[in-house]
Amino acid sequence: VKLKSSKLKQVKLQVVGEPVELTESKMPFYTRPDVGPYNDVAEQIVPDFVLKLQDGAVTFEMPRFNVPELRINRKYAQMLEKANGGSDRERKEASTFVKGKIDSAKWFIEALKQRQNTLSKTMQAIIDFQQAFFHSGDDCDLRPMILEDIAKITGFDISTISRVVNSKYIETPFGIYQLKYFFSEGLVNKAGEEVSTRELKKVLQEIVDS
């Protein structure tokens, strides 16, 4: 197998013992949902992010996420108008009721903004960390990256990062990926360079397929 990465040329692979039949169930390689037997599933996935490559810059959009503007329902506005012509008690009750509704709407919109910020910062951190991959689409360009790396960059808890990457997808020119796909441990080769375990798995898969 021809190794695409110079880093991998310094990683010695050995098969020890008797030959083992490698079946799909024994090979724990991640299969991208945009290829192979998962095409039917991929058609049902609506990505949360869409990667954009323009003039060498990597950006993204969040087409599924829009924060609504806060507007007072006409019914509530009419209620206040009507109460203005009534007693002090009616005006107070109407004002308290409408204020409660407005406060609830503000809280909801603020929660949406915080969630948008969490998703956006997490996605940006992943893109910045894996710039080479998002330009090439080659798994050999994936750097070793763990949840803690992104947590440090964003300032979010590891549990928050975990929830995001396990439930969100991004559409790229190379296919649709679940965000957790970009995370992997790393090994150090003889030159002291870190090699992603996903890169090693890809090479092993090529050996099995050849």
N, C-alpha and C. Protein backbone atom coordinates (compact mmCIF):
# COMPACT_ATOMS: atom_id res chain seq x y z
N VAL A 1 0.85 -1.19 0.00
CA VAL A 1 0.00 0.00 0.00
C VAL A 1 0.88 1.23 0.00
N LYS A 2 0.62 2.17 -0.87
CA LYS A 2 1.37 3.40 -0.92
C LYS A 2 0.84 4.36 0.12
N LEU A 3 1.72 4.80 1.04
CA LEU A 3 1.29 5.71 2.10
C LEU A 3 1.35 7.14 1.61
N LYS A 4 0.23 7.83 1.72
CA LYS A 4 0.16 9.21 1.24
C LYS A 4 0.89 10.16 2.16
N SER A 5 0.90 9.86 3.45
CA SER A 5 1.48 10.78 4.41
C SER A 5 2.91 10.38 4.73
N SER A 6 3.84 11.35 4.71
CA SER A 6 5.23 11.07 5.06
C SER A 6 5.34 10.67 6.51
N LYS A 7 4.44 11.14 7.35
CA LYS A 7 4.46 10.80 8.77
C LYS A 7 4.23 9.31 8.96
N LEU A 8 3.35 8.74 8.13
CA LEU A 8 2.99 7.33 8.28
C LEU A 8 4.10 6.40 7.83
N LYS A 9 5.00 6.89 6.99
CA LYS A 9 6.09 6.04 6.51
C LYS A 9 7.01 5.64 7.66
N GLN A 10 6.95 6.39 8.75
CA GLN A 10 7.82 6.10 9.88
C GLN A 10 7.10 5.30 10.96
N VAL A 11 5.87 4.88 10.68
CA VAL A 11 5.11 4.05 11.62
C VAL A 11 5.21 2.61 11.16
N LYS A 12 5.80 1.76 12.00
CA LYS A 12 6.01 0.37 11.64
C LYS A 12 4.79 -0.45 11.99
N LEU A 13 4.23 -1.16 11.00
CA LEU A 13 3.06 -1.98 11.20
C LEU A 13 3.47 -3.44 11.13
N GLN A 14 3.05 -4.22 12.11
CA GLN A 14 3.37 -5.64 12.12
C GLN A 14 2.12 -6.45 12.40
N VAL A 15 2.02 -7.61 11.75
CA VAL A 15 0.95 -8.55 12.04
C VAL A 15 1.59 -9.73 12.74
N VAL A 16 1.23 -9.97 13.99
CA VAL A 16 1.86 -11.00 14.79
C VAL A 16 0.90 -12.16 14.97
N GLY A 17 1.41 -13.40 14.84
CA GLY A 17 0.57 -14.56 15.08
C GLY A 17 -0.06 -15.09 13.81
N GLU A 18 -1.10 -15.88 14.01
CA GLU A 18 -1.78 -16.50 12.88
C GLU A 18 -2.62 -15.49 12.12
N PRO A 19 -2.80 -15.73 10.82
CA PRO A 19 -3.66 -14.83 10.03
C PRO A 19 -5.07 -14.82 10.60
N VAL A 20 -5.67 -13.65 10.61
CA VAL A 20 -7.02 -13.49 11.14
C VAL A 20 -7.92 -12.98 10.03
N GLU A 21 -9.07 -13.59 9.86
CA GLU A 21 -10.03 -13.14 8.85
C GLU A 21 -10.68 -11.87 9.37
N LEU A 22 -10.53 -10.79 8.62
CA LEU A 22 -11.08 -9.50 9.04
C LEU A 22 -12.42 -9.30 8.37
N THR A 23 -13.46 -9.27 9.15
CA THR A 23 -14.80 -9.04 8.63
C THR A 23 -15.22 -7.65 8.99
N GLU A 24 -16.31 -7.19 8.39
CA GLU A 24 -16.78 -5.83 8.63
C GLU A 24 -17.07 -5.61 10.11
N SER A 25 -17.60 -6.65 10.79
CA SER A 25 -17.95 -6.51 12.20
C SER A 25 -16.72 -6.39 13.07
N LYS A 26 -15.54 -6.88 12.56
CA LYS A 26 -14.32 -6.82 13.35
C LYS A 26 -13.50 -5.59 13.05
N MET A 27 -13.87 -4.85 12.05
CA MET A 27 -13.12 -3.65 11.67
C MET A 27 -13.86 -2.42 12.17
N PRO A 28 -13.35 -1.79 13.23
CA PRO A 28 -14.08 -0.66 13.84
C PRO A 28 -13.85 0.66 13.13
N PHE A 29 -13.84 0.63 11.80
CA PHE A 29 -13.61 1.87 11.06
C PHE A 29 -14.92 2.62 10.88
N TYR A 30 -14.84 3.91 11.01
CA TYR A 30 -16.01 4.76 10.83
C TYR A 30 -16.32 4.87 9.35
N THR A 31 -17.52 4.55 8.96
CA THR A 31 -17.95 4.67 7.57
C THR A 31 -18.73 5.96 7.40
N ARG A 32 -18.27 6.81 6.51
CA ARG A 32 -18.96 8.08 6.32
C ARG A 32 -20.39 7.84 5.86
N PRO A 33 -21.35 8.60 6.39
CA PRO A 33 -22.75 8.38 6.04
C PRO A 33 -23.10 8.79 4.62
N ASP A 34 -22.14 9.41 3.91
CA ASP A 34 -22.46 9.88 2.56
C ASP A 34 -22.04 8.87 1.50
N VAL A 35 -21.45 7.74 1.91
CA VAL A 35 -21.01 6.77 0.92
C VAL A 35 -21.46 5.37 1.34
N GLY A 36 -21.28 4.41 0.40
CA GLY A 36 -21.52 3.01 0.72
C GLY A 36 -22.96 2.70 1.04
N PRO A 37 -23.15 1.74 1.96
CA PRO A 37 -24.50 1.23 2.25
C PRO A 37 -25.38 2.20 3.01
N TYR A 38 -24.84 3.38 3.35
CA TYR A 38 -25.61 4.31 4.16
C TYR A 38 -26.27 5.41 3.33
N ASN A 39 -26.30 5.24 2.03
CA ASN A 39 -26.88 6.27 1.17
C ASN A 39 -28.34 6.57 1.52
N ASP A 40 -29.11 5.53 1.82
CA ASP A 40 -30.52 5.73 2.14
C ASP A 40 -30.67 6.56 3.40
N VAL A 41 -29.77 6.34 4.37
CA VAL A 41 -29.82 7.11 5.61
C VAL A 41 -29.38 8.53 5.36
N ALA A 42 -28.34 8.69 4.53
CA ALA A 42 -27.80 10.02 4.27
C ALA A 42 -28.84 10.95 3.66
N GLU A 43 -29.73 10.39 2.87
CA GLU A 43 -30.76 11.20 2.23
C GLU A 43 -31.70 11.83 3.26
N GLN A 44 -31.77 11.22 4.45
CA GLN A 44 -32.67 11.72 5.47
C GLN A 44 -31.99 12.71 6.41
N ILE A 45 -30.66 12.87 6.27
CA ILE A 45 -29.91 13.77 7.14
C ILE A 45 -29.98 15.20 6.60
N VAL A 46 -30.42 16.10 7.44
CA VAL A 46 -30.41 17.53 7.08
C VAL A 46 -29.27 18.17 7.86
N PRO A 47 -28.21 18.60 7.18
CA PRO A 47 -27.04 19.13 7.89
C PRO A 47 -27.36 20.40 8.66
N ASP A 48 -26.69 20.54 9.79
CA ASP A 48 -26.86 21.74 10.64
C ASP A 48 -25.92 22.85 10.18
N PHE A 49 -24.82 22.46 9.51
CA PHE A 49 -23.85 23.43 9.00
C PHE A 49 -23.57 23.12 7.54
N VAL A 50 -23.23 24.15 6.78
CA VAL A 50 -22.84 23.98 5.38
C VAL A 50 -21.49 24.68 5.19
N LEU A 51 -20.48 23.89 4.81
CA LEU A 51 -19.14 24.43 4.63
C LEU A 51 -19.04 25.18 3.31
N LYS A 52 -18.35 26.31 3.34
CA LYS A 52 -18.14 27.11 2.14
C LYS A 52 -16.64 27.32 1.92
N LEU A 53 -16.18 27.05 0.70
CA LEU A 53 -14.79 27.30 0.32
C LEU A 53 -14.77 28.36 -0.76
N GLN A 54 -14.17 29.51 -0.43
CA GLN A 54 -14.15 30.61 -1.40
C GLN A 54 -12.85 31.38 -1.28
N ASP A 55 -12.12 31.44 -2.38
CA ASP A 55 -10.84 32.16 -2.43
C ASP A 55 -9.89 31.70 -1.33
N GLY A 56 -9.88 30.40 -1.08
CA GLY A 56 -8.96 29.85 -0.10
C GLY A 56 -9.43 29.96 1.34
N ALA A 57 -10.56 30.60 1.56
CA ALA A 57 -11.09 30.77 2.91
C ALA A 57 -12.15 29.72 3.20
N VAL A 58 -12.14 29.22 4.43
CA VAL A 58 -13.13 28.23 4.86
C VAL A 58 -14.12 28.89 5.81
N THR A 59 -15.38 28.92 5.41
CA THR A 59 -16.41 29.49 6.26
C THR A 59 -17.58 28.50 6.34
N PHE A 60 -18.59 28.83 7.08
CA PHE A 60 -19.75 27.94 7.17
C PHE A 60 -21.02 28.75 7.42
N GLU A 61 -22.13 28.14 7.08
CA GLU A 61 -23.44 28.72 7.33
C GLU A 61 -24.25 27.79 8.21
N MET A 62 -25.27 28.33 8.86
CA MET A 62 -26.16 27.53 9.71
C MET A 62 -27.59 27.73 9.21
N PRO A 63 -27.94 27.06 8.10
CA PRO A 63 -29.24 27.29 7.45
C PRO A 63 -30.45 26.90 8.28
N ARG A 64 -30.26 26.02 9.25
CA ARG A 64 -31.40 25.55 10.05
C ARG A 64 -31.63 26.39 11.29
N PHE A 65 -30.76 27.37 11.50
CA PHE A 65 -30.83 28.07 12.78
C PHE A 65 -30.99 29.57 12.56
N ASN A 66 -32.17 30.09 12.85
CA ASN A 66 -32.44 31.52 12.76
C ASN A 66 -33.11 31.99 14.05
N VAL A 67 -32.61 33.06 14.61
CA VAL A 67 -33.20 33.62 15.83
C VAL A 67 -34.32 34.57 15.44
N PRO A 68 -35.55 34.33 15.87
CA PRO A 68 -36.68 35.19 15.48
C PRO A 68 -36.63 36.55 16.16
N GLU A 69 -37.27 37.52 15.52
CA GLU A 69 -37.41 38.85 16.14
C GLU A 69 -38.54 38.81 17.16
N LEU A 70 -38.38 39.61 18.21
CA LEU A 70 -39.41 39.66 19.25
C LEU A 70 -40.45 40.70 18.86
N ARG A 71 -41.69 40.24 18.72
CA ARG A 71 -42.81 41.14 18.40
C ARG A 71 -43.97 40.86 19.34
N ILE A 72 -44.70 41.91 19.68
CA ILE A 72 -45.86 41.75 20.57
C ILE A 72 -47.06 41.31 19.74
N ASN A 73 -47.65 40.20 20.13
CA ASN A 73 -48.84 39.70 19.46
C ASN A 73 -49.94 40.77 19.48
N ARG A 74 -50.61 40.94 18.36
CA ARG A 74 -51.65 41.97 18.26
C ARG A 74 -52.74 41.77 19.32
N LYS A 75 -53.00 40.51 19.65
CA LYS A 75 -54.02 40.23 20.67
C LYS A 75 -53.65 40.83 22.01
N TYR A 76 -52.38 40.74 22.36
CA TYR A 76 -51.92 41.30 23.63
C TYR A 76 -51.91 42.83 23.59
N ALA A 77 -51.59 43.40 22.43
CA ALA A 77 -51.60 44.85 22.29
C ALA A 77 -53.03 45.38 22.47
N GLN A 78 -53.98 44.66 21.88
CA GLN A 78 -55.39 45.07 22.02
C GLN A 78 -55.85 44.92 23.48
N MET A 79 -55.36 43.91 24.15
CA MET A 79 -55.71 43.71 25.55
C MET A 79 -55.25 44.88 26.41
N LEU A 80 -54.03 45.37 26.11
CA LEU A 80 -53.52 46.53 26.86
C LEU A 80 -54.32 47.78 26.55
N GLU A 81 -54.67 47.95 25.28
CA GLU A 81 -55.46 49.12 24.89
C GLU A 81 -56.82 49.12 25.58
N LYS A 82 -57.43 47.94 25.60
CA LYS A 82 -58.73 47.82 26.24
C LYS A 82 -58.65 48.09 27.73
N ALA A 83 -57.60 47.58 28.37
CA ALA A 83 -57.43 47.75 29.82
C ALA A 83 -57.16 49.20 30.19
N ASN A 84 -56.59 49.96 29.27
CA ASN A 84 -56.31 51.38 29.56
C ASN A 84 -57.58 52.17 29.83
N GLY A 85 -58.69 51.69 29.28
CA GLY A 85 -59.96 52.39 29.51
C GLY A 85 -60.72 51.85 30.70
N GLY A 86 -60.14 50.86 31.38
CA GLY A 86 -60.82 50.25 32.52
C GLY A 86 -60.29 50.75 33.85
N SER A 87 -60.53 49.95 34.89
CA SER A 87 -60.10 50.33 36.23
C SER A 87 -58.61 50.10 36.40
N ASP A 88 -58.08 50.62 37.52
CA ASP A 88 -56.66 50.42 37.81
C ASP A 88 -56.33 48.94 37.95
N ARG A 89 -57.26 48.20 38.54
CA ARG A 89 -57.05 46.77 38.72
C ARG A 89 -56.96 46.05 37.38
N GLU A 90 -57.84 46.39 36.44
CA GLU A 90 -57.83 45.76 35.11
C GLU A 90 -56.55 46.09 34.36
N ARG A 91 -56.14 47.35 34.47
CA ARG A 91 -54.90 47.75 33.79
C ARG A 91 -53.70 47.01 34.37
N LYS A 92 -53.69 46.88 35.70
CA LYS A 92 -52.58 46.21 36.36
C LYS A 92 -52.52 44.72 35.99
N GLU A 93 -53.69 44.06 35.98
CA GLU A 93 -53.75 42.64 35.65
C GLU A 93 -53.33 42.40 34.21
N ALA A 94 -53.82 43.26 33.30
CA ALA A 94 -53.47 43.11 31.88
C ALA A 94 -51.97 43.35 31.67
N SER A 95 -51.47 44.38 32.35
CA SER A 95 -50.05 44.70 32.22
C SER A 95 -49.17 43.56 32.73
N THR A 96 -49.55 42.99 33.87
CA THR A 96 -48.78 41.89 34.46
C THR A 96 -48.81 40.67 33.55
N PHE A 97 -49.99 40.38 32.98
CA PHE A 97 -50.14 39.22 32.10
C PHE A 97 -49.27 39.37 30.86
N VAL A 98 -49.38 40.53 30.21
CA VAL A 98 -48.62 40.75 28.97
C VAL A 98 -47.12 40.78 29.26
N LYS A 99 -46.73 41.40 30.37
CA LYS A 99 -45.31 41.46 30.72
C LYS A 99 -44.75 40.05 30.92
N GLY A 100 -45.55 39.17 31.53
CA GLY A 100 -45.11 37.79 31.72
C GLY A 100 -44.87 37.09 30.41
N LYS A 101 -45.77 37.32 29.45
CA LYS A 101 -45.61 36.71 28.13
C LYS A 101 -44.37 37.24 27.41
N ILE A 102 -44.15 38.54 27.53
CA ILE A 102 -42.98 39.15 26.88
C ILE A 102 -41.69 38.64 27.51
N ASP A 103 -41.67 38.53 28.84
CA ASP A 103 -40.47 38.02 29.53
C ASP A 103 -40.17 36.59 29.12
N SER A 104 -41.23 35.78 28.95
CA SER A 104 -41.05 34.39 28.52
C SER A 104 -40.46 34.34 27.11
N ALA A 105 -40.96 35.22 26.24
CA ALA A 105 -40.46 35.26 24.87
C ALA A 105 -39.00 35.71 24.84
N LYS A 106 -38.67 36.70 25.68
CA LYS A 106 -37.28 37.18 25.75
C LYS A 106 -36.35 36.07 26.22
N TRP A 107 -36.81 35.31 27.22
CA TRP A 107 -35.99 34.21 27.75
C TRP A 107 -35.76 33.16 26.67
N PHE A 108 -36.81 32.87 25.91
CA PHE A 108 -36.71 31.86 24.86
C PHE A 108 -35.72 32.30 23.78
N ILE A 109 -35.83 33.56 23.36
CA ILE A 109 -34.94 34.07 22.32
C ILE A 109 -33.50 34.13 22.82
N GLU A 110 -33.31 34.49 24.08
CA GLU A 110 -31.96 34.53 24.65
C GLU A 110 -31.36 33.13 24.69
N ALA A 111 -32.19 32.14 25.01
CA ALA A 111 -31.72 30.75 25.02
C ALA A 111 -31.31 30.31 23.61
N LEU A 112 -32.08 30.75 22.60
CA LEU A 112 -31.74 30.42 21.21
C LEU A 112 -30.42 31.07 20.81
N LYS A 113 -30.22 32.32 21.24
CA LYS A 113 -28.97 33.02 20.92
C LYS A 113 -27.77 32.32 21.56
N GLN A 114 -27.93 31.89 22.80
CA GLN A 114 -26.84 31.19 23.48
C GLN A 114 -26.53 29.88 22.79
N ARG A 115 -27.57 29.18 22.36
CA ARG A 115 -27.36 27.91 21.65
C ARG A 115 -26.68 28.16 20.31
N GLN A 116 -27.11 29.19 19.61
CA GLN A 116 -26.48 29.54 18.33
C GLN A 116 -25.00 29.86 18.55
N ASN A 117 -24.70 30.58 19.62
CA ASN A 117 -23.32 30.93 19.92
C ASN A 117 -22.50 29.69 20.22
N THR A 118 -23.08 28.75 20.97
CA THR A 118 -22.39 27.51 21.31
C THR A 118 -22.07 26.70 20.05
N LEU A 119 -23.07 26.55 19.19
CA LEU A 119 -22.88 25.78 17.96
C LEU A 119 -21.85 26.46 17.04
N SER A 120 -21.97 27.77 16.90
CA SER A 120 -21.10 28.51 16.00
C SER A 120 -19.64 28.47 16.47
N LYS A 121 -19.41 28.71 17.76
CA LYS A 121 -18.04 28.70 18.29
C LYS A 121 -17.42 27.31 18.21
N THR A 122 -18.24 26.29 18.47
CA THR A 122 -17.73 24.92 18.40
C THR A 122 -17.34 24.55 16.98
N MET A 123 -18.21 24.87 16.02
CA MET A 123 -17.92 24.56 14.62
C MET A 123 -16.70 25.33 14.13
N GLN A 124 -16.58 26.60 14.50
CA GLN A 124 -15.44 27.41 14.08
C GLN A 124 -14.14 26.85 14.65
N ALA A 125 -14.18 26.40 15.90
CA ALA A 125 -12.99 25.84 16.53
C ALA A 125 -12.55 24.56 15.81
N ILE A 126 -13.52 23.72 15.42
CA ILE A 126 -13.20 22.48 14.71
C ILE A 126 -12.59 22.80 13.34
N ILE A 127 -13.17 23.77 12.65
CA ILE A 127 -12.65 24.16 11.33
C ILE A 127 -11.23 24.70 11.45
N ASP A 128 -10.99 25.56 12.44
CA ASP A 128 -9.66 26.13 12.63
C ASP A 128 -8.64 25.04 12.94
N PHE A 129 -9.06 24.06 13.72
CA PHE A 129 -8.16 22.98 14.12
C PHE A 129 -7.85 22.04 12.96
N GLN A 130 -8.85 21.81 12.11
CA GLN A 130 -8.72 20.85 11.00
C GLN A 130 -8.72 21.55 9.64
N GLN A 131 -8.08 22.70 9.56
CA GLN A 131 -8.06 23.48 8.32
C GLN A 131 -7.62 22.66 7.11
N ALA A 132 -6.54 21.88 7.27
CA ALA A 132 -6.00 21.12 6.14
C ALA A 132 -7.03 20.15 5.58
N PHE A 133 -7.75 19.47 6.47
CA PHE A 133 -8.76 18.51 6.00
C PHE A 133 -9.88 19.21 5.24
N PHE A 134 -10.35 20.33 5.76
CA PHE A 134 -11.48 21.01 5.12
C PHE A 134 -11.10 21.62 3.78
N HIS A 135 -9.81 21.72 3.50
CA HIS A 135 -9.38 22.16 2.18
C HIS A 135 -9.24 20.98 1.22
N SER A 136 -8.82 19.82 1.75
CA SER A 136 -8.52 18.69 0.87
C SER A 136 -9.57 17.58 0.89
N GLY A 137 -10.21 17.38 2.04
CA GLY A 137 -11.15 16.26 2.18
C GLY A 137 -10.45 14.93 2.37
N ASP A 138 -9.13 14.96 2.55
CA ASP A 138 -8.33 13.74 2.70
C ASP A 138 -8.17 13.42 4.19
N ASP A 139 -8.54 12.20 4.58
CA ASP A 139 -8.43 11.80 5.98
C ASP A 139 -7.00 11.88 6.50
N CYS A 140 -6.03 11.78 5.60
CA CYS A 140 -4.63 11.87 6.02
C CYS A 140 -4.28 13.26 6.55
N ASP A 141 -5.13 14.22 6.27
CA ASP A 141 -4.89 15.59 6.75
C ASP A 141 -5.58 15.87 8.08
N LEU A 142 -6.28 14.89 8.63
CA LEU A 142 -6.93 15.08 9.93
C LEU A 142 -5.89 15.04 11.04
N ARG A 143 -5.88 16.05 11.87
CA ARG A 143 -4.96 16.10 13.01
C ARG A 143 -5.60 15.37 14.19
N PRO A 144 -4.77 14.78 15.07
CA PRO A 144 -5.32 14.23 16.30
C PRO A 144 -6.05 15.33 17.06
N MET A 145 -7.27 15.09 17.47
CA MET A 145 -8.08 16.11 18.15
C MET A 145 -9.04 15.41 19.10
N ILE A 146 -9.07 15.88 20.34
CA ILE A 146 -9.98 15.31 21.32
C ILE A 146 -10.92 16.41 21.82
N LEU A 147 -11.95 16.00 22.54
CA LEU A 147 -12.95 16.96 23.03
C LEU A 147 -12.31 18.07 23.86
N GLU A 148 -11.31 17.71 24.63
CA GLU A 148 -10.65 18.69 25.50
C GLU A 148 -10.01 19.82 24.70
N ASP A 149 -9.49 19.49 23.51
CA ASP A 149 -8.87 20.52 22.67
C ASP A 149 -9.88 21.61 22.32
N ILE A 150 -11.07 21.20 21.89
CA ILE A 150 -12.09 22.16 21.49
C ILE A 150 -12.68 22.87 22.71
N ALA A 151 -12.77 22.16 23.83
CA ALA A 151 -13.26 22.77 25.06
C ALA A 151 -12.34 23.91 25.50
N LYS A 152 -11.04 23.71 25.38
CA LYS A 152 -10.08 24.75 25.76
C LYS A 152 -10.19 25.97 24.85
N ILE A 153 -10.39 25.72 23.56
CA ILE A 153 -10.47 26.82 22.59
C ILE A 153 -11.74 27.65 22.81
N THR A 154 -12.85 26.96 23.02
CA THR A 154 -14.15 27.66 23.12
C THR A 154 -14.48 28.14 24.53
N GLY A 155 -13.89 27.49 25.54
CA GLY A 155 -14.22 27.83 26.92
C GLY A 155 -15.45 27.10 27.43
N PHE A 156 -15.98 26.17 26.62
CA PHE A 156 -17.16 25.40 27.03
C PHE A 156 -16.73 24.13 27.77
N ASP A 157 -17.66 23.55 28.53
CA ASP A 157 -17.40 22.28 29.19
C ASP A 157 -17.27 21.17 28.16
N ILE A 158 -16.50 20.15 28.50
CA ILE A 158 -16.33 19.00 27.60
C ILE A 158 -17.68 18.35 27.32
N SER A 159 -18.56 18.31 28.34
CA SER A 159 -19.89 17.71 28.15
C SER A 159 -20.69 18.47 27.11
N THR A 160 -20.54 19.79 27.07
CA THR A 160 -21.23 20.61 26.07
C THR A 160 -20.72 20.29 24.66
N ILE A 161 -19.41 20.20 24.52
CA ILE A 161 -18.81 19.87 23.23
C ILE A 161 -19.28 18.49 22.78
N SER A 162 -19.32 17.55 23.72
CA SER A 162 -19.74 16.18 23.41
C SER A 162 -21.16 16.15 22.87
N ARG A 163 -22.06 16.91 23.50
CA ARG A 163 -23.46 16.92 23.03
C ARG A 163 -23.56 17.48 21.62
N VAL A 164 -22.77 18.51 21.33
CA VAL A 164 -22.83 19.14 20.01
C VAL A 164 -22.31 18.18 18.94
N VAL A 165 -21.13 17.60 19.15
CA VAL A 165 -20.50 16.80 18.10
C VAL A 165 -21.20 15.47 17.88
N ASN A 166 -21.96 15.00 18.86
CA ASN A 166 -22.64 13.73 18.71
C ASN A 166 -24.01 13.86 18.06
N SER A 167 -24.46 15.09 17.86
CA SER A 167 -25.82 15.26 17.33
C SER A 167 -25.89 16.14 16.08
N LYS A 168 -24.76 16.74 15.69
CA LYS A 168 -24.78 17.68 14.57
C LYS A 168 -23.98 17.18 13.38
N TYR A 169 -24.40 17.63 12.18
CA TYR A 169 -23.76 17.23 10.93
C TYR A 169 -23.36 18.47 10.14
N ILE A 170 -22.32 18.31 9.32
CA ILE A 170 -21.90 19.39 8.43
C ILE A 170 -21.82 18.87 7.00
N GLU A 171 -22.34 19.66 6.07
CA GLU A 171 -22.25 19.33 4.65
C GLU A 171 -21.00 20.00 4.09
N THR A 172 -20.16 19.22 3.42
CA THR A 172 -18.94 19.73 2.82
C THR A 172 -18.91 19.31 1.35
N PRO A 173 -17.97 19.85 0.57
CA PRO A 173 -17.85 19.40 -0.83
C PRO A 173 -17.46 17.93 -0.94
N PHE A 174 -17.04 17.34 0.19
CA PHE A 174 -16.57 15.95 0.18
C PHE A 174 -17.60 14.98 0.76
N GLY A 175 -18.74 15.49 1.19
CA GLY A 175 -19.77 14.64 1.77
C GLY A 175 -20.32 15.24 3.05
N ILE A 176 -21.26 14.54 3.66
CA ILE A 176 -21.86 14.97 4.93
C ILE A 176 -21.22 14.19 6.06
N TYR A 177 -20.76 14.89 7.07
CA TYR A 177 -20.06 14.27 8.19
C TYR A 177 -20.74 14.61 9.52
N GLN A 178 -20.79 13.63 10.39
CA GLN A 178 -21.14 13.92 11.77
C GLN A 178 -19.91 14.56 12.41
N LEU A 179 -20.10 15.57 13.25
CA LEU A 179 -18.96 16.32 13.77
C LEU A 179 -17.98 15.44 14.54
N LYS A 180 -18.48 14.39 15.16
CA LYS A 180 -17.57 13.54 15.94
C LYS A 180 -16.57 12.82 15.04
N TYR A 181 -16.81 12.79 13.73
CA TYR A 181 -15.89 12.15 12.79
C TYR A 181 -14.51 12.80 12.83
N PHE A 182 -14.45 14.09 13.15
CA PHE A 182 -13.20 14.82 13.09
C PHE A 182 -12.35 14.64 14.34
N PHE A 183 -12.85 13.87 15.31
CA PHE A 183 -12.12 13.65 16.56
C PHE A 183 -11.45 12.28 16.53
N SER A 184 -10.19 12.26 16.95
CA SER A 184 -9.46 10.99 17.05
C SER A 184 -8.26 11.20 17.97
N GLU A 185 -7.79 10.10 18.53
CA GLU A 185 -6.58 10.14 19.34
C GLU A 185 -5.37 10.23 18.42
N GLY A 186 -4.19 10.38 19.02
CA GLY A 186 -2.98 10.47 18.21
C GLY A 186 -1.89 9.56 18.72
N LEU A 187 -1.00 9.14 17.80
CA LEU A 187 0.19 8.37 18.13
C LEU A 187 1.41 9.18 17.69
N VAL A 188 2.54 8.90 18.28
CA VAL A 188 3.76 9.62 17.93
C VAL A 188 4.68 8.68 17.15
N ASN A 189 5.13 9.13 15.97
CA ASN A 189 6.03 8.30 15.18
C ASN A 189 7.48 8.52 15.60
N LYS A 190 8.41 7.88 14.89
CA LYS A 190 9.82 7.96 15.27
C LYS A 190 10.38 9.37 15.18
N ALA A 191 9.78 10.19 14.34
CA ALA A 191 10.26 11.56 14.18
C ALA A 191 9.67 12.50 15.23
N GLY A 192 8.83 11.94 16.10
CA GLY A 192 8.22 12.76 17.14
C GLY A 192 6.98 13.51 16.68
N GLU A 193 6.47 13.16 15.48
CA GLU A 193 5.27 13.81 14.95
C GLU A 193 4.03 13.03 15.37
N GLU A 194 2.96 13.77 15.63
CA GLU A 194 1.70 13.12 15.98
C GLU A 194 0.98 12.64 14.72
N VAL A 195 0.47 11.43 14.78
CA VAL A 195 -0.29 10.85 13.66
C VAL A 195 -1.66 10.48 14.18
N SER A 196 -2.69 10.92 13.49
CA SER A 196 -4.06 10.62 13.90
C SER A 196 -4.34 9.12 13.77
N THR A 197 -4.99 8.56 14.77
CA THR A 197 -5.37 7.14 14.68
C THR A 197 -6.34 6.91 13.53
N ARG A 198 -7.09 7.91 13.15
CA ARG A 198 -7.99 7.75 11.99
C ARG A 198 -7.17 7.60 10.71
N GLU A 199 -6.04 8.30 10.65
CA GLU A 199 -5.16 8.18 9.50
C GLU A 199 -4.59 6.76 9.44
N LEU A 200 -4.22 6.22 10.59
CA LEU A 200 -3.71 4.86 10.64
C LEU A 200 -4.78 3.85 10.24
N LYS A 201 -6.00 4.07 10.71
CA LYS A 201 -7.10 3.16 10.37
C LYS A 201 -7.37 3.17 8.87
N LYS A 202 -7.24 4.34 8.27
CA LYS A 202 -7.47 4.42 6.83
C LYS A 202 -6.45 3.59 6.07
N VAL A 203 -5.18 3.66 6.52
CA VAL A 203 -4.12 2.89 5.87
C VAL A 203 -4.37 1.40 6.07
N LEU A 204 -4.77 1.03 7.28
CA LEU A 204 -5.07 -0.38 7.54
C LEU A 204 -6.23 -0.87 6.67
N GLN A 205 -7.24 -0.03 6.50
CA GLN A 205 -8.37 -0.38 5.65
C GLN A 205 -7.92 -0.60 4.21
N GLU A 206 -6.97 0.25 3.74
CA GLU A 206 -6.45 0.11 2.38
C GLU A 206 -5.67 -1.19 2.24
N ILE A 207 -4.97 -1.59 3.33
CA ILE A 207 -4.22 -2.84 3.30
C ILE A 207 -5.17 -4.03 3.20
N VAL A 208 -6.28 -3.97 3.98
CA VAL A 208 -7.26 -5.03 3.97
C VAL A 208 -7.95 -5.13 2.61
N ASP A 209 -8.24 -3.98 2.01
CA ASP A 209 -8.95 -3.95 0.73
C ASP A 209 -8.07 -4.36 -0.45
N SER A 210 -6.76 -4.21 -0.28
CA SER A 210 -5.86 -4.48 -1.42
C SER A 210 -5.60 -5.97 -1.60
